[in-house]
Protein backbone atom coordinates (compact mmCIF):
# COMPACT_ATOMS: atom_id res chain seq x y z
CA MET A 1 119.63 22.41 -25.07
CA VAL A 2 117.87 25.45 -26.56
CA PRO A 3 115.55 26.68 -23.98
CA VAL A 4 112.39 26.84 -26.86
CA VAL A 5 112.40 23.31 -27.07
CA ASN A 6 112.77 21.91 -23.14
CA GLY A 7 109.97 19.60 -22.72
CA LEU A 8 109.18 18.75 -26.37
CA GLU A 9 112.58 16.71 -26.38
CA GLU A 10 111.57 14.67 -23.24
CA LYS A 11 108.42 14.32 -24.11
CA TYR A 12 108.78 13.13 -27.83
CA GLN A 13 112.11 11.31 -27.30
CA ASP A 14 111.05 7.92 -28.30
CA LYS A 15 109.26 9.60 -31.38
CA VAL A 16 111.54 12.77 -32.61
CA GLU A 17 115.21 12.45 -33.12
CA PHE A 18 116.50 16.05 -31.80
CA ARG A 19 119.63 17.82 -33.01
CA HIS A 20 121.60 20.68 -32.12
CA ILE A 21 124.09 22.36 -34.39
CA ASP A 22 125.74 25.36 -33.60
CA ALA A 23 124.73 27.98 -36.64
CA ASN A 24 128.31 29.56 -36.15
CA SER A 25 130.31 25.79 -36.86
CA LEU A 26 131.10 24.05 -40.87
CA THR A 27 127.93 21.96 -39.93
CA GLY A 28 125.79 24.40 -39.04
CA LYS A 29 126.55 26.51 -42.19
CA SER A 30 126.09 23.77 -44.12
CA ALA A 31 122.58 22.99 -43.03
CA TYR A 32 121.53 26.60 -42.97
CA GLN A 33 122.45 26.72 -46.85
CA ALA A 34 120.80 23.11 -47.11
CA TYR A 35 117.75 23.96 -45.76
CA SER A 36 117.67 27.19 -46.94
CA LEU A 37 117.26 28.94 -43.53
CA ARG A 38 117.59 32.56 -43.27
CA GLY A 39 117.65 33.55 -39.52
CA HIS A 40 118.32 32.38 -36.22
CA PRO A 41 117.64 29.69 -34.52
CA GLY A 42 116.20 27.76 -37.09
CA PHE A 43 114.44 24.82 -36.90
CA VAL A 44 113.59 21.92 -39.24
CA LEU A 45 111.70 18.91 -39.45
CA LEU A 46 112.08 16.19 -41.37
CA SER A 47 110.88 12.94 -42.56
CA PRO A 48 112.95 9.59 -41.81
CA ASP A 49 113.98 9.55 -45.46
CA GLY A 50 115.31 13.20 -45.48
CA THR A 51 112.34 14.95 -46.50
CA ILE A 52 111.55 18.43 -45.32
CA LEU A 53 108.33 18.31 -43.24
CA TRP A 54 108.49 21.93 -42.01
CA THR A 55 111.04 24.81 -41.18
CA GLY A 56 110.89 27.64 -39.15
CA ILE A 57 113.21 30.39 -38.20
CA GLY A 58 113.55 32.59 -35.14
CA GLU A 59 112.11 31.92 -31.44
CA GLN A 60 109.22 29.88 -31.77
CA PRO A 61 106.79 29.22 -29.06
CA ALA A 62 106.85 25.68 -27.68
CA GLU A 63 103.56 25.36 -28.54
CA ILE A 64 103.85 26.13 -32.43
CA LEU A 65 106.53 23.74 -32.62
CA GLU A 66 105.04 21.05 -30.62
CA GLU A 67 101.94 21.42 -33.10
CA GLN A 68 104.16 21.29 -35.99
CA ILE A 69 105.35 17.79 -34.49
CA ARG A 70 101.91 16.44 -33.34
CA LEU A 71 100.90 17.14 -37.01
CA VAL A 72 104.29 15.39 -38.74
CA LEU A 73 103.30 12.09 -36.52
CA ASN A 74 99.66 12.40 -37.21
CA GLU A 75 98.75 13.11 -33.33
CA GLN A 76 96.26 15.44 -33.68
CA PRO A 77 94.36 16.68 -30.64
CA GLU A 78 90.75 16.25 -30.82
CA GLN A 79 88.91 18.09 -33.49
CA ILE A 80 86.31 20.61 -32.62
CA VAL A 81 85.36 20.97 -35.70
CA SER A 82 86.09 19.15 -39.38
CA ASP A 83 84.16 21.41 -42.00
CA TYR A 84 82.83 24.89 -43.08
CA ASP A 85 79.59 24.01 -41.92
CA GLY A 86 80.82 22.33 -38.72
CA LEU A 87 82.60 25.47 -37.93
CA ILE A 88 79.68 27.77 -38.83
CA ALA A 89 77.39 26.08 -36.61
CA ASN A 90 80.08 25.74 -33.84
CA LEU A 91 80.23 29.60 -33.47
CA LYS A 92 76.43 30.32 -33.85
CA SER A 93 76.44 27.84 -30.46
CA THR A 94 78.35 30.17 -28.91
CA GLY A 95 75.98 33.21 -29.58
CA THR A 96 78.80 34.85 -31.82
CA SER A 97 77.69 37.25 -34.70
CA VAL A 98 78.39 35.47 -37.75
CA GLU A 99 77.58 36.91 -41.34
CA THR A 100 78.69 35.17 -44.55
CA GLY A 101 80.56 37.66 -46.62
CA GLU A 102 81.93 37.33 -50.35
CA SER A 103 83.98 34.22 -51.97
CA VAL A 104 88.07 34.99 -51.70
CA SER A 105 90.62 33.40 -53.08
CA GLN A 106 94.58 33.61 -52.33
CA PRO A 107 96.88 32.77 -54.90
CA PHE A 108 98.84 30.45 -52.28
CA PHE A 109 95.67 28.28 -51.11
CA THR A 110 93.82 25.35 -53.57
CA PRO A 111 90.52 26.15 -53.06
CA GLN A 112 88.22 29.08 -53.27
CA GLY A 113 87.45 30.43 -49.67
CA GLN A 114 84.85 31.99 -47.93
CA ILE A 115 85.15 35.17 -46.00
CA ILE A 116 83.01 35.26 -42.61
CA LYS A 117 82.39 37.89 -40.39
CA LEU A 118 82.94 37.61 -36.33
CA ASN A 119 81.83 40.50 -34.49
CA GLY A 120 82.51 42.44 -37.84
CA GLU A 121 86.01 41.02 -38.74
CA ASP A 122 86.48 39.45 -41.78
CA VAL A 123 87.92 35.56 -41.52
CA GLN A 124 88.68 33.25 -44.76
CA VAL A 125 87.78 29.90 -44.47
CA PHE A 126 89.52 27.34 -47.06
CA GLU A 127 87.53 24.07 -47.31
CA TYR A 128 89.32 20.79 -48.66
CA VAL A 129 88.52 17.56 -50.35
CA SER A 130 90.10 15.77 -47.81
CA GLU A 131 92.59 16.35 -44.11
CA GLU A 132 95.44 15.42 -46.04
CA GLU A 133 94.52 17.70 -49.01
CA ALA A 134 94.36 20.22 -46.07
CA PHE A 135 97.41 19.06 -44.21
CA GLN A 136 99.77 19.59 -47.43
CA GLU A 137 98.92 22.75 -47.59
CA VAL A 138 99.33 23.24 -43.94
CA MET A 139 103.04 22.26 -44.74
CA ARG A 140 103.78 24.85 -46.95
CA VAL A 141 103.05 27.68 -44.55
CA SER A 142 106.56 29.30 -43.08
CA ALA A 143 106.22 29.22 -39.15
CA ASP A 144 105.63 33.17 -38.80
CA GLY A 145 103.26 33.34 -42.23
CA SER A 146 105.43 35.32 -44.24
CA SER A 147 105.77 32.93 -46.97
CA VAL A 148 103.88 29.47 -48.64
CA GLY A 149 105.80 27.66 -50.62
CA THR A 150 107.65 29.95 -53.12
CA THR A 151 105.25 32.89 -52.33
CA MET A 152 106.30 36.19 -50.15
CA ILE A 153 103.76 37.60 -48.51
CA THR A 154 103.74 40.98 -46.94
CA TRP A 155 100.56 41.33 -44.96
CA ILE A 156 98.55 44.34 -43.68
CA ASP A 157 98.52 42.84 -40.37
CA SER A 158 99.51 39.73 -38.42
CA PRO A 159 98.20 36.92 -39.88
CA HIS A 160 96.84 33.88 -38.08
CA PHE A 161 96.46 30.38 -39.57
CA TYR A 162 94.66 27.49 -38.14
CA GLN A 163 93.56 24.43 -39.31
CA SER A 164 90.82 21.61 -38.10
CA GLY A 165 89.56 18.69 -40.29
CA LYS A 166 89.67 19.59 -43.46
CA ILE A 167 89.69 23.72 -43.43
CA ILE A 168 92.36 26.14 -43.38
CA VAL A 169 91.28 29.58 -41.62
CA LEU A 170 93.30 32.74 -41.74
CA TYR A 171 92.75 35.27 -39.73
CA VAL A 172 94.72 38.48 -40.29
CA GLY A 173 94.07 41.41 -37.72
CA ASN A 174 95.41 41.71 -34.00
CA THR A 175 91.94 41.24 -32.28
CA PRO A 176 93.19 39.76 -28.90
CA GLU A 177 89.90 38.59 -28.04
CA LEU A 178 89.52 37.00 -31.63
CA VAL A 179 92.81 35.09 -31.49
CA GLU A 180 91.76 33.68 -28.39
CA PHE A 181 88.30 32.87 -29.87
CA LEU A 182 89.65 30.89 -32.88
CA THR A 183 92.29 28.97 -30.87
CA GLU A 184 89.50 27.74 -28.31
CA VAL A 185 87.33 26.83 -31.48
CA LEU A 186 89.93 25.41 -34.05
CA GLY A 187 92.60 24.41 -31.74
CA PRO A 188 96.28 26.49 -31.30
CA GLN A 189 97.60 28.43 -34.54
CA PHE A 190 99.96 26.49 -36.86
CA ALA A 191 101.70 29.32 -38.31
CA GLY A 192 101.50 33.30 -38.13
CA GLY A 193 102.05 36.26 -35.05
């Protein structure tokens, strides 16, 4: 058993089938090629019909793997915020300094985003028409945030991706207090450092 999935197999045994494949075996090499995995260990979540729902490379915290499983099973935890206005209201209610910045676009996200400054740091917020549309884009982001779909990204600092309801929030930085605060408001990050 791979230590990183300890507990997840037992918790989701009735809903998810876990398979461990030795990367050095013939089957493992074929799997790594079939799913375009470029690191070890590799994780792949597949739908019952074999469609790739998510891939992850390298040691993954159990929380990130569980979040992906929950997303696939549509077992999202109770949402704290579900849209841009709700996020702003929630942030202001905590007494956090919130300023609205300029618009922002990322080539890998469909909607135009909005920069908000939290205690002077830029955080990008992308609001989608529906939660399902946001979820489809979440599924394109690699676990470490280094790629979205076919777009490879070189970040100036660690990316932190969050999704809650119809919004995807991106913070590029390493302020532990801000990462912790965003996690409290939005739930665990689904990708990034």
